[in-house]
Each structure stands twice: as structure tokens, then as C-alpha cells.
Amino acid sequence: MAVAHPDGMTWRDRVVVVTGGTSGIGREFAVRLAADGAKVIACARNEAALRELQAECPAIEALRCDVSVRADVQALEAAVRDRHGRVDVLINNAGIMERVELLDGSVSDERIAHEIAVNLTSPILLTRAFLPLLRSGRNPLIVMITSGYALLPATRAPTYSASKAGLRSFTMALRRQLRGVGIRVVEVLPPLVDTPATRSVQQPKMSPAVLVDRVLRDIARGRDEILPGLVGVLPWLMRLAPSYAARRVAGT
């Protein structure tokens, strides 16, 4: 039975693809929307995690896909096309964060390139691959999970911050390009969220459940830029005290 939302929006029978769907934000989206009656396809690289997700929530289709591998993306698109014939919602959530200290060379060139590929190149190419299925969808929607670091960078994560800033720029341009074909594009700029990727970070964190609650509520309200938690004050702070804002975010 689909869960009723106060705003009256329902996700029942909508075909939803979630990348990075086995942990953190992606898992919360997948489980929540499946409970609301959506036909959820969750993809990730870890086959054991995919099996665990499907055992917990049999309604979810769990498919292996490394979003940085072209053949995997093509196979995912083909599987969704063959099984459903359309996509109503694409949630580009997959991402990785490296702690990069450029002076000590502790992170290889390959790891830096892979981080940028997963966080920036992959959602761009995956979105393009799924556009024909989205154009066949019902009230089609693309959700890009960027980051508060797309607005101001963290010192510990320079390449992550740069990749998310790039994804934000792409999302803004994509929204303009797709306006004429009826595909809505929503950007979510989360604060620090309590996920495996932030386990070592000793800062206040938002839970995935609270984040997804906010995102689904704001989508239903028609908002196309969603800035949860402390990220919501960043644009204001950047205008009034830009140097202070940059210092505060740099140390998080």
C-alpha cells in the first residue's frame, strides 16, 4: 500500500532508477519509494550489497552497474528498457569522496581520475543514455545529488568539491535544455550526511532519512533547488560574509 503524503503526491507505479542505491542516501531513496509503491531499480557496484538490499526489500530490482563503465551503463539502460519501456524518475546519486592532500602524493592519479569520473562524467553520460526512456516517462524527473560543497569547497576534499561544482553547473544547463520537452530537473545540495563515506568525519551530520524526507517534500512543492539543513543558509552567508562563509565550509 502506498504511503499517503500530506501534499497528496504519490509515487505509486512510477519507474524510478536510483544509482548508488545500496547505501546511504541512495538506499534511503530506494527503500522509501518502493514502500510508496514505486517500481524501483537500484544499481550499485557491490553485488553482495545488492543481494542484501533485495532480501530486505524484494520489491526493489537490484542490478549491478558501475556507473563509470560504459558497458555497464548500456546494459542497465537496456535492462530497464526491456522490462519497463520507460523511466519516470532518474536519481543520480552515486558518488565517492577522496581525502586528497596534493602535497604528499598519498592519493594516486588514478584514484583522483576515478573520483571525477564517478562524480561528474558518469552522471552526465548516464543521464544522456536515459533521456529517450525519460521522454517516454510519466511526468519525468531527474534528481541530481550534488553537495553543499558545490557552493564552497572543503579543504580536505578538493577534487570532490570541484566535481560537485561541475555537476551543479551541468544540472543548471540541463534544466534549461530540457524545459521544452517537459523533463523536470531537480538539484539536491545536501549538507554532511551520515553515510559510510563520511564515517571518519567528526562533524554534525544529517541522517539519510531526514534528508530524503525533505527532498520528497520539496519535490512535491515544486522546488527545483533543494538546500537542506545548514546548506540552506550558505547562499545568504556567501552574499553577506563571503570570506567567513568560505572559512567555515573549508574546515568541515
C-alpha atoms as a PDB file:
ATOM      1  CA  MET A   1       0.000   0.000   0.000  1.00  0.00           C
ATOM      2  CA  ALA A   2       1.406   3.388  -0.997  1.00  0.00           C
ATOM      3  CA  VAL A   3       2.125   5.818   1.783  1.00  0.00           C
ATOM      4  CA  ALA A   4      -0.038   8.936   1.695  1.00  0.00           C
ATOM      5  CA  HIS A   5       1.875  12.211   1.791  1.00  0.00           C
ATOM      6  CA  PRO A   6       0.441  15.377   3.308  1.00  0.00           C
ATOM      7  CA  ASP A   7       0.840  17.137  -0.038  1.00  0.00           C
ATOM      8  CA  GLY A   8      -1.138  14.410  -1.818  1.00  0.00           C
ATOM      9  CA  MET A   9       1.717  13.327  -4.092  1.00  0.00           C
ATOM     10  CA  THR A  10       2.056   9.631  -4.788  1.00  0.00           C
ATOM     11  CA  TRP A  11       4.907   7.618  -6.259  1.00  0.00           C
ATOM     12  CA  ARG A  12       2.819   4.518  -6.987  1.00  0.00           C
ATOM     13  CA  ASP A  13       3.756   2.705 -10.209  1.00  0.00           C
ATOM     14  CA  ARG A  14       6.370   5.280 -11.178  1.00  0.00           C
ATOM     15  CA  VAL A  15       9.519   3.703 -12.648  1.00  0.00           C
ATOM     16  CA  VAL A  16      12.451   5.005 -10.618  1.00  0.00           C
ATOM     17  CA  VAL A  17      16.162   4.365 -11.267  1.00  0.00           C
ATOM     18  CA  VAL A  18      18.493   5.081  -8.333  1.00  0.00           C
ATOM     19  CA  THR A  19      22.266   4.947  -8.759  1.00  0.00           C
ATOM     20  CA  GLY A  20      24.371   4.161  -5.719  1.00  0.00           C
ATOM     21  CA  GLY A  21      21.276   2.503  -4.328  1.00  0.00           C
ATOM     22  CA  THR A  22      22.737   0.154  -1.722  1.00  0.00           C
ATOM     23  CA  SER A  23      23.903   2.573   0.972  1.00  0.00           C
ATOM     24  CA  GLY A  24      23.359   5.990   2.461  1.00  0.00           C
ATOM     25  CA  ILE A  25      21.163   8.425   0.566  1.00  0.00           C
ATOM     26  CA  GLY A  26      20.574   6.115  -2.403  1.00  0.00           C
ATOM     27  CA  ARG A  27      19.409   3.231  -0.225  1.00  0.00           C
ATOM     28  CA  GLU A  28      17.043   5.523   1.661  1.00  0.00           C
ATOM     29  CA  PHE A  29      15.524   6.742  -1.611  1.00  0.00           C
ATOM     30  CA  ALA A  30      15.169   3.184  -2.927  1.00  0.00           C
ATOM     31  CA  VAL A  31      13.526   1.736   0.180  1.00  0.00           C
ATOM     32  CA  ARG A  32      11.281   4.745   0.760  1.00  0.00           C
ATOM     33  CA  LEU A  33       9.987   4.975  -2.800  1.00  0.00           C
ATOM     34  CA  ALA A  34       9.461   1.213  -3.052  1.00  0.00           C
ATOM     35  CA  ALA A  35       7.362   1.428   0.135  1.00  0.00           C
ATOM     36  CA  ASP A  36       5.362   4.174  -1.570  1.00  0.00           C
ATOM     37  CA  GLY A  37       4.552   1.842  -4.464  1.00  0.00           C
ATOM     38  CA  ALA A  38       7.186   2.893  -6.995  1.00  0.00           C
ATOM     39  CA  LYS A  39       8.864   0.373  -9.281  1.00  0.00           C
ATOM     40  CA  VAL A  40      12.413   0.946  -8.086  1.00  0.00           C
ATOM     41  CA  ILE A  41      15.538  -0.171  -9.924  1.00  0.00           C
ATOM     42  CA  ALA A  42      18.540   0.290  -7.631  1.00  0.00           C
ATOM     43  CA  CYS A  43      22.003  -0.103  -9.085  1.00  0.00           C
ATOM     44  CA  ALA A  44      25.441  -0.278  -7.487  1.00  0.00           C
ATOM     45  CA  ARG A  45      28.802  -1.998  -7.930  1.00  0.00           C
ATOM     46  CA  ASN A  46      28.735  -4.277  -4.876  1.00  0.00           C
ATOM     47  CA  GLU A  47      26.866  -7.480  -5.669  1.00  0.00           C
ATOM     48  CA  ALA A  48      26.700  -8.588  -2.021  1.00  0.00           C
ATOM     49  CA  ALA A  49      25.140  -5.263  -1.042  1.00  0.00           C
ATOM     50  CA  LEU A  50      22.655  -5.578  -3.900  1.00  0.00           C
ATOM     51  CA  ARG A  51      21.616  -9.045  -2.704  1.00  0.00           C
ATOM     52  CA  GLU A  52      21.217  -7.722   0.841  1.00  0.00           C
ATOM     53  CA  LEU A  53      19.050  -4.842  -0.376  1.00  0.00           C
ATOM     54  CA  GLN A  54      16.812  -7.127  -2.423  1.00  0.00           C
ATOM     55  CA  ALA A  55      16.448  -9.552   0.504  1.00  0.00           C
ATOM     56  CA  GLU A  56      15.387  -6.655   2.735  1.00  0.00           C
ATOM     57  CA  CYS A  57      13.031  -5.192   0.123  1.00  0.00           C
ATOM     58  CA  PRO A  58      12.017  -7.767  -2.523  1.00  0.00           C
ATOM     59  CA  ALA A  59      10.022  -5.168  -4.450  1.00  0.00           C
ATOM     60  CA  ILE A  60      13.262  -3.457  -5.481  1.00  0.00           C
ATOM     61  CA  GLU A  61      15.025  -4.609  -8.637  1.00  0.00           C
ATOM     62  CA  ALA A  62      18.699  -4.660  -7.695  1.00  0.00           C
ATOM     63  CA  LEU A  63      21.022  -4.526 -10.709  1.00  0.00           C
ATOM     64  CA  ARG A  64      24.798  -4.397 -10.761  1.00  0.00           C
ATOM     65  CA  CYS A  65      26.201  -1.358 -12.557  1.00  0.00           C
ATOM     66  CA  ASP A  66      29.448   0.534 -12.224  1.00  0.00           C
ATOM     67  CA  VAL A  67      28.351   3.942 -13.473  1.00  0.00           C
ATOM     68  CA  SER A  68      31.906   4.745 -14.577  1.00  0.00           C
ATOM     69  CA  VAL A  69      31.927   1.800 -17.025  1.00  0.00           C
ATOM     70  CA  ARG A  70      30.217   2.481 -20.342  1.00  0.00           C
ATOM     71  CA  ALA A  71      29.261  -1.154 -20.959  1.00  0.00           C
ATOM     72  CA  ASP A  72      27.591  -1.359 -17.530  1.00  0.00           C
ATOM     73  CA  VAL A  73      25.548   1.784 -18.205  1.00  0.00           C
ATOM     74  CA  GLN A  74      24.473   0.445 -21.584  1.00  0.00           C
ATOM     75  CA  ALA A  75      23.444  -2.871 -20.002  1.00  0.00           C
ATOM     76  CA  LEU A  76      21.473  -1.064 -17.300  1.00  0.00           C
ATOM     77  CA  GLU A  77      19.649   1.089 -19.839  1.00  0.00           C
ATOM     78  CA  ALA A  78      18.839  -1.990 -21.942  1.00  0.00           C
ATOM     79  CA  ALA A  79      17.520  -3.912 -18.918  1.00  0.00           C
ATOM     80  CA  VAL A  80      15.255  -1.040 -17.859  1.00  0.00           C
ATOM     81  CA  ARG A  81      14.038  -0.523 -21.418  1.00  0.00           C
ATOM     82  CA  ASP A  82      13.244  -4.223 -21.882  1.00  0.00           C
ATOM     83  CA  ARG A  83      11.472  -4.600 -18.521  1.00  0.00           C
ATOM     84  CA  HIS A  84       9.646  -1.276 -18.272  1.00  0.00           C
ATOM     85  CA  GLY A  85       9.854   0.628 -21.555  1.00  0.00           C
ATOM     86  CA  ARG A  86      10.206   3.974 -19.798  1.00  0.00           C
ATOM     87  CA  VAL A  87      11.774   5.815 -16.849  1.00  0.00           C
ATOM     88  CA  ASP A  88       9.736   8.290 -14.816  1.00  0.00           C
ATOM     89  CA  VAL A  89      12.434   9.288 -12.323  1.00  0.00           C
ATOM     90  CA  LEU A  90      16.222   9.108 -12.537  1.00  0.00           C
ATOM     91  CA  ILE A  91      18.062   9.765  -9.272  1.00  0.00           C
ATOM     92  CA  ASN A  92      21.749  10.363  -9.961  1.00  0.00           C
ATOM     93  CA  ASN A  93      23.112   9.664  -6.503  1.00  0.00           C
ATOM     94  CA  ALA A  94      26.259   7.549  -6.949  1.00  0.00           C
ATOM     95  CA  GLY A  95      29.375   9.317  -5.761  1.00  0.00           C
ATOM     96  CA  ILE A  96      32.668   8.881  -3.933  1.00  0.00           C
ATOM     97  CA  MET A  97      34.739  11.214  -1.797  1.00  0.00           C
ATOM     98  CA  GLU A  98      38.518  11.048  -1.526  1.00  0.00           C
ATOM     99  CA  ARG A  99      40.557  12.887   1.077  1.00  0.00           C
ATOM    100  CA  VAL A 100      43.177  14.402  -1.221  1.00  0.00           C
ATOM    101  CA  GLU A 101      46.338  16.038   0.155  1.00  0.00           C
ATOM    102  CA  LEU A 102      48.039  17.147  -3.025  1.00  0.00           C
ATOM    103  CA  LEU A 103      51.394  17.959  -1.422  1.00  0.00           C
ATOM    104  CA  ASP A 104      52.087  14.492  -0.024  1.00  0.00           C
ATOM    105  CA  GLY A 105      51.066  12.449  -3.053  1.00  0.00           C
ATOM    106  CA  SER A 106      49.126   9.968  -0.924  1.00  0.00           C
ATOM    107  CA  VAL A 107      46.349   9.600  -3.479  1.00  0.00           C
ATOM    108  CA  SER A 108      47.251   8.278  -6.912  1.00  0.00           C
ATOM    109  CA  ASP A 109      46.396   9.975 -10.189  1.00  0.00           C
ATOM    110  CA  GLU A 110      44.144   7.014 -10.951  1.00  0.00           C
ATOM    111  CA  ARG A 111      42.081   7.468  -7.778  1.00  0.00           C
ATOM    112  CA  ILE A 112      41.651  11.177  -8.457  1.00  0.00           C
ATOM    113  CA  ALA A 113      40.589  10.496 -12.047  1.00  0.00           C
ATOM    114  CA  HIS A 114      38.173   7.798 -10.865  1.00  0.00           C
ATOM    115  CA  GLU A 115      36.599  10.156  -8.329  1.00  0.00           C
ATOM    116  CA  ILE A 116      35.977  12.752 -11.028  1.00  0.00           C
ATOM    117  CA  ALA A 117      34.640  10.082 -13.390  1.00  0.00           C
ATOM    118  CA  VAL A 118      32.139   8.757 -10.857  1.00  0.00           C
ATOM    119  CA  ASN A 119      31.011  12.145  -9.556  1.00  0.00           C
ATOM    120  CA  LEU A 120      30.885  14.175 -12.767  1.00  0.00           C
ATOM    121  CA  THR A 121      31.400  12.329 -16.035  1.00  0.00           C
ATOM    122  CA  SER A 122      29.249   9.338 -15.112  1.00  0.00           C
ATOM    123  CA  PRO A 123      26.024  11.176 -14.204  1.00  0.00           C
ATOM    124  CA  ILE A 124      26.346  13.269 -17.355  1.00  0.00           C
ATOM    125  CA  LEU A 125      26.723  10.242 -19.625  1.00  0.00           C
ATOM    126  CA  LEU A 126      24.170   8.143 -17.738  1.00  0.00           C
ATOM    127  CA  THR A 127      21.623  10.949 -17.985  1.00  0.00           C
ATOM    128  CA  ARG A 128      22.173  11.198 -21.720  1.00  0.00           C
ATOM    129  CA  ALA A 129      21.773   7.426 -22.071  1.00  0.00           C
ATOM    130  CA  PHE A 130      18.437   7.511 -20.231  1.00  0.00           C
ATOM    131  CA  LEU A 131      16.936  10.567 -21.926  1.00  0.00           C
ATOM    132  CA  PRO A 132      14.949   8.548 -24.513  1.00  0.00           C
ATOM    133  CA  LEU A 133      13.357   6.483 -21.728  1.00  0.00           C
ATOM    134  CA  LEU A 134      12.682   9.625 -19.695  1.00  0.00           C
ATOM    135  CA  ARG A 135      10.982  11.254 -22.668  1.00  0.00           C
ATOM    136  CA  SER A 136       8.606   8.269 -22.662  1.00  0.00           C
ATOM    137  CA  GLY A 137       8.034   8.618 -18.924  1.00  0.00           C
ATOM    138  CA  ARG A 138       5.126   9.912 -16.879  1.00  0.00           C
ATOM    139  CA  ASN A 139       5.869  13.423 -15.588  1.00  0.00           C
ATOM    140  CA  PRO A 140       9.583  12.651 -15.988  1.00  0.00           C
ATOM    141  CA  LEU A 141      12.000  13.870 -13.369  1.00  0.00           C
ATOM    142  CA  ILE A 142      15.785  13.877 -12.997  1.00  0.00           C
ATOM    143  CA  VAL A 143      17.177  14.325  -9.476  1.00  0.00           C
ATOM    144  CA  MET A 144      20.860  15.258  -9.240  1.00  0.00           C
ATOM    145  CA  ILE A 145      22.507  14.798  -5.869  1.00  0.00           C
ATOM    146  CA  THR A 146      25.310  17.344  -5.795  1.00  0.00           C
ATOM    147  CA  SER A 147      26.564  18.749  -2.468  1.00  0.00           C
ATOM    148  CA  GLY A 148      26.831  21.842  -0.338  1.00  0.00           C
ATOM    149  CA  TYR A 149      30.472  21.684  -1.427  1.00  0.00           C
ATOM    150  CA  ALA A 150      29.269  22.603  -4.918  1.00  0.00           C
ATOM    151  CA  LEU A 151      28.816  26.105  -3.491  1.00  0.00           C
ATOM    152  CA  LEU A 152      32.023  26.310  -1.440  1.00  0.00           C
ATOM    153  CA  PRO A 153      34.837  23.717  -1.305  1.00  0.00           C
ATOM    154  CA  ALA A 154      36.120  21.656   1.603  1.00  0.00           C
ATOM    155  CA  THR A 155      39.903  21.763   2.029  1.00  0.00           C
ATOM    156  CA  ARG A 156      40.064  18.016   2.723  1.00  0.00           C
ATOM    157  CA  ALA A 157      38.183  17.173  -0.488  1.00  0.00           C
ATOM    158  CA  PRO A 158      39.307  19.452  -3.322  1.00  0.00           C
ATOM    159  CA  THR A 159      38.542  17.118  -6.217  1.00  0.00           C
ATOM    160  CA  TYR A 160      35.206  16.040  -4.719  1.00  0.00           C
ATOM    161  CA  SER A 161      34.230  19.686  -4.290  1.00  0.00           C
ATOM    162  CA  ALA A 162      35.315  20.512  -7.839  1.00  0.00           C
ATOM    163  CA  SER A 163      33.414  17.568  -9.318  1.00  0.00           C
ATOM    164  CA  LYS A 164      30.223  18.525  -7.463  1.00  0.00           C
ATOM    165  CA  ALA A 165      30.577  22.159  -8.551  1.00  0.00           C
ATOM    166  CA  GLY A 166      30.875  20.892 -12.110  1.00  0.00           C
ATOM    167  CA  LEU A 167      27.796  18.712 -11.688  1.00  0.00           C
ATOM    168  CA  ARG A 168      25.841  21.672 -10.350  1.00  0.00           C
ATOM    169  CA  SER A 169      26.792  23.700 -13.426  1.00  0.00           C
ATOM    170  CA  PHE A 170      25.767  20.836 -15.711  1.00  0.00           C
ATOM    171  CA  THR A 171      22.456  20.469 -13.868  1.00  0.00           C
ATOM    172  CA  MET A 172      21.599  24.128 -14.335  1.00  0.00           C
ATOM    173  CA  ALA A 173      22.300  23.928 -18.075  1.00  0.00           C
ATOM    174  CA  LEU A 174      20.448  20.613 -18.383  1.00  0.00           C
ATOM    175  CA  ARG A 175      17.363  22.143 -16.744  1.00  0.00           C
ATOM    176  CA  ARG A 176      17.285  24.841 -19.403  1.00  0.00           C
ATOM    177  CA  GLN A 177      17.797  22.386 -22.265  1.00  0.00           C
ATOM    178  CA  LEU A 178      15.035  20.031 -21.113  1.00  0.00           C
ATOM    179  CA  ARG A 179      12.431  22.633 -20.206  1.00  0.00           C
ATOM    180  CA  GLY A 180      10.922  22.462 -23.678  1.00  0.00           C
ATOM    181  CA  VAL A 181      10.436  18.678 -23.599  1.00  0.00           C
ATOM    182  CA  GLY A 182       8.789  18.504 -20.199  1.00  0.00           C
ATOM    183  CA  ILE A 183      11.534  16.788 -18.200  1.00  0.00           C
ATOM    184  CA  ARG A 184      11.899  18.400 -14.791  1.00  0.00           C
ATOM    185  CA  VAL A 185      15.413  18.658 -13.317  1.00  0.00           C
ATOM    186  CA  VAL A 186      15.867  18.963  -9.543  1.00  0.00           C
ATOM    187  CA  GLU A 187      19.173  19.550  -7.782  1.00  0.00           C
ATOM    188  CA  VAL A 188      19.722  18.477  -4.168  1.00  0.00           C
ATOM    189  CA  LEU A 189      22.670  20.041  -2.329  1.00  0.00           C
ATOM    190  CA  PRO A 190      22.990  18.001   0.881  1.00  0.00           C
ATOM    191  CA  PRO A 191      24.961  19.023   3.936  1.00  0.00           C
ATOM    192  CA  LEU A 192      27.182  16.409   5.589  1.00  0.00           C
ATOM    193  CA  VAL A 193      25.066  13.259   5.701  1.00  0.00           C
ATOM    194  CA  ASP A 194      25.672  10.258   7.932  1.00  0.00           C
ATOM    195  CA  THR A 195      26.811   7.700   5.339  1.00  0.00           C
ATOM    196  CA  PRO A 196      29.732   5.259   5.051  1.00  0.00           C
ATOM    197  CA  ALA A 197      31.621   7.899   3.049  1.00  0.00           C
ATOM    198  CA  THR A 198      31.577  10.353   5.982  1.00  0.00           C
ATOM    199  CA  ARG A 199      32.197   7.865   8.785  1.00  0.00           C
ATOM    200  CA  SER A 200      35.593   9.383   9.645  1.00  0.00           C
ATOM    201  CA  VAL A 201      34.371  12.992   9.615  1.00  0.00           C
ATOM    202  CA  GLN A 202      33.816  14.371  13.121  1.00  0.00           C
ATOM    203  CA  GLN A 203      31.171  16.968  12.313  1.00  0.00           C
ATOM    204  CA  PRO A 204      27.387  17.191  12.826  1.00  0.00           C
ATOM    205  CA  LYS A 205      25.630  15.110  10.171  1.00  0.00           C
ATOM    206  CA  MET A 206      22.108  14.820   8.831  1.00  0.00           C
ATOM    207  CA  SER A 207      20.578  11.349   8.675  1.00  0.00           C
ATOM    208  CA  PRO A 208      19.650   9.971   5.225  1.00  0.00           C
ATOM    209  CA  ALA A 209      16.039   9.597   6.399  1.00  0.00           C
ATOM    210  CA  VAL A 210      15.757  13.277   7.329  1.00  0.00           C
ATOM    211  CA  LEU A 211      17.367  14.297   4.037  1.00  0.00           C
ATOM    212  CA  VAL A 212      15.053  12.156   1.906  1.00  0.00           C
ATOM    213  CA  ASP A 213      12.012  13.419   3.837  1.00  0.00           C
ATOM    214  CA  ARG A 214      12.999  16.964   2.972  1.00  0.00           C
ATOM    215  CA  VAL A 215      13.747  16.177  -0.674  1.00  0.00           C
ATOM    216  CA  LEU A 216      10.458  14.374  -1.330  1.00  0.00           C
ATOM    217  CA  ARG A 217       8.511  17.140   0.377  1.00  0.00           C
ATOM    218  CA  ASP A 218      10.243  19.864  -1.641  1.00  0.00           C
ATOM    219  CA  ILE A 219       9.846  17.984  -4.918  1.00  0.00           C
ATOM    220  CA  ALA A 220       6.116  17.797  -4.247  1.00  0.00           C
ATOM    221  CA  ARG A 221       6.091  21.537  -3.552  1.00  0.00           C
ATOM    222  CA  GLY A 222       7.639  22.259  -6.942  1.00  0.00           C
ATOM    223  CA  ARG A 223      11.113  23.288  -5.789  1.00  0.00           C
ATOM    224  CA  ASP A 224      13.910  22.625  -8.266  1.00  0.00           C
ATOM    225  CA  GLU A 225      16.833  23.542  -5.980  1.00  0.00           C
ATOM    226  CA  ILE A 226      16.772  21.882  -2.569  1.00  0.00           C
ATOM    227  CA  LEU A 227      19.240  23.056   0.079  1.00  0.00           C
ATOM    228  CA  PRO A 228      18.617  21.072   3.276  1.00  0.00           C
ATOM    229  CA  GLY A 229      19.956  21.856   6.725  1.00  0.00           C
ATOM    230  CA  LEU A 230      22.827  24.318   7.086  1.00  0.00           C
ATOM    231  CA  VAL A 231      23.339  24.450   3.312  1.00  0.00           C
ATOM    232  CA  GLY A 232      20.150  26.497   3.216  1.00  0.00           C
ATOM    233  CA  VAL A 233      21.899  29.465   4.819  1.00  0.00           C
ATOM    234  CA  LEU A 234      25.007  29.298   2.627  1.00  0.00           C
ATOM    235  CA  PRO A 235      23.768  31.454  -0.295  1.00  0.00           C
ATOM    236  CA  TRP A 236      22.720  34.141   2.188  1.00  0.00           C
ATOM    237  CA  LEU A 237      26.017  33.886   4.083  1.00  0.00           C
ATOM    238  CA  MET A 238      28.041  33.964   0.859  1.00  0.00           C
ATOM    239  CA  ARG A 239      26.456  37.307  -0.020  1.00  0.00           C
ATOM    240  CA  LEU A 240      26.802  38.927   3.400  1.00  0.00           C
ATOM    241  CA  ALA A 241      30.129  37.490   4.613  1.00  0.00           C
ATOM    242  CA  PRO A 242      31.843  35.605   1.790  1.00  0.00           C
ATOM    243  CA  SER A 243      35.235  35.201   3.470  1.00  0.00           C
ATOM    244  CA  TYR A 244      33.681  33.930   6.687  1.00  0.00           C
ATOM    245  CA  ALA A 245      31.463  31.502   4.757  1.00  0.00           C
ATOM    246  CA  ALA A 246      34.435  30.136   2.812  1.00  0.00           C
ATOM    247  CA  ARG A 247      36.462  29.589   6.014  1.00  0.00           C
ATOM    248  CA  ARG A 248      33.603  27.829   7.778  1.00  0.00           C
ATOM    249  CA  VAL A 249      32.961  25.419   4.913  1.00  0.00           C
ATOM    250  CA  ALA A 250      36.667  24.838   4.243  1.00  0.00           C
ATOM    251  CA  GLY A 251      37.143  23.227   7.640  1.00  0.00           C
ATOM    252  CA  THR A 252      34.180  20.861   7.517  1.00  0.00           C
END
